């Protein structure tokens, strides 16, 4: 399970119902609160981030027939 992600900045802002500047402020606040270990711009349009090591990432557990069983907790890798 990975603890990194990336998205197009404008798409992420639009999905959150925020302006790009509000999204930047939110990501800055998440870094300051140590929920995100960091974030960076990839070119002019994309943002990537990685979760702090203390954040645990939920992963879906599946039964043999492909139906969802439960959520387990995975330890995120450190980038």
Protein backbone atom coordinates (compact mmCIF):
# COMPACT_ATOMS: atom_id res chain seq x y z
CA UNK A 1 0.00 0.00 0.00
CA UNK A 2 1.46 3.33 -1.01
CA UNK A 3 1.18 6.56 0.89
CA UNK A 4 1.71 8.86 -2.09
CA UNK A 5 -0.70 10.42 -4.52
CA UNK A 6 -0.96 12.93 -7.30
CA UNK A 7 -3.68 14.74 -9.19
CA UNK A 8 -4.23 17.54 -11.64
CA UNK A 9 -4.43 20.68 -9.52
CA UNK A 10 -7.49 22.21 -11.21
CA UNK A 11 -9.39 18.92 -11.19
CA UNK A 12 -8.71 18.35 -7.51
CA UNK A 13 -9.77 21.90 -6.67
CA UNK A 14 -12.95 21.54 -8.72
CA UNK A 15 -13.83 18.19 -7.09
CA UNK A 16 -13.39 19.81 -3.66
CA UNK A 17 -15.46 22.84 -4.67
CA UNK A 18 -12.49 25.15 -4.07
CA UNK A 19 -10.39 27.58 -6.04
CA UNK A 20 -6.80 26.50 -6.82
CA UNK A 21 -5.58 28.99 -4.20
CA UNK A 22 -7.89 27.49 -1.55
CA UNK A 23 -6.54 24.05 -2.45
CA UNK A 24 -2.97 25.32 -2.01
CA UNK A 25 -3.92 26.72 1.40
CA UNK A 26 -5.50 23.41 2.40
CA UNK A 27 -2.43 21.42 1.37
CA UNK A 28 -0.18 23.86 3.25
CA UNK A 29 -2.33 23.41 6.34
CA UNK A 30 -2.16 19.60 6.02
CA UNK A 31 1.65 19.81 5.84
CA UNK A 32 1.79 22.14 8.87
CA UNK A 33 -0.44 19.77 10.82
CA UNK A 34 1.87 16.89 9.80
CA UNK A 35 -0.87 14.85 8.14
CA UNK A 36 1.12 15.23 4.93
CA UNK A 37 4.86 14.78 5.05
CA UNK A 38 5.17 16.97 2.00
CA UNK A 39 3.81 18.05 -1.34
CA UNK A 40 5.23 19.40 -4.56
CA UNK A 41 4.22 20.68 -7.94
CA UNK A 42 4.86 18.54 -11.00
CA UNK A 43 5.02 21.05 -13.81
CA UNK A 44 2.34 23.72 -13.87
CA UNK A 45 -0.72 21.50 -13.59
CA UNK A 46 -0.13 18.57 -11.26
CA UNK A 47 0.42 18.21 -7.51
CA UNK A 48 1.89 15.22 -5.71
CA UNK A 49 1.92 14.51 -1.99
CA UNK A 50 2.90 11.86 0.51
CA UNK A 51 1.39 11.07 3.86
CA UNK A 52 3.32 11.36 7.08
CA UNK A 53 4.78 8.05 8.29
CA UNK A 54 2.46 7.98 11.33
CA UNK A 55 -0.64 7.96 9.07
CA UNK A 56 -2.00 4.47 8.52
CA UNK A 57 -3.58 3.65 5.17
CA UNK A 58 -6.71 1.50 5.10
CA UNK A 59 -6.75 -1.28 2.55
CA UNK A 60 -9.80 -3.23 1.46
CA UNK A 61 -9.87 -6.95 2.25
CA UNK A 62 -11.70 -9.24 -0.17
CA UNK A 63 -13.34 -12.65 0.12
CA UNK A 64 -12.42 -15.41 -2.33
CA UNK A 65 -15.46 -14.55 -4.48
CA UNK A 66 -14.32 -10.91 -4.91
CA UNK A 67 -16.81 -9.37 -2.50
CA UNK A 68 -15.60 -6.90 0.11
CA UNK A 69 -14.93 -8.45 3.51
CA UNK A 70 -13.52 -5.75 5.76
CA UNK A 71 -10.93 -3.02 6.04
CA UNK A 72 -7.49 -3.82 7.38
CA UNK A 73 -4.74 -1.39 8.21
CA UNK A 74 -1.51 -1.41 6.25
CA UNK A 75 1.66 0.32 7.23
CA UNK A 76 2.51 2.97 4.65
CA UNK A 77 5.91 2.88 3.03
CA UNK A 78 8.26 5.79 3.55
CA UNK A 79 9.21 7.59 0.34
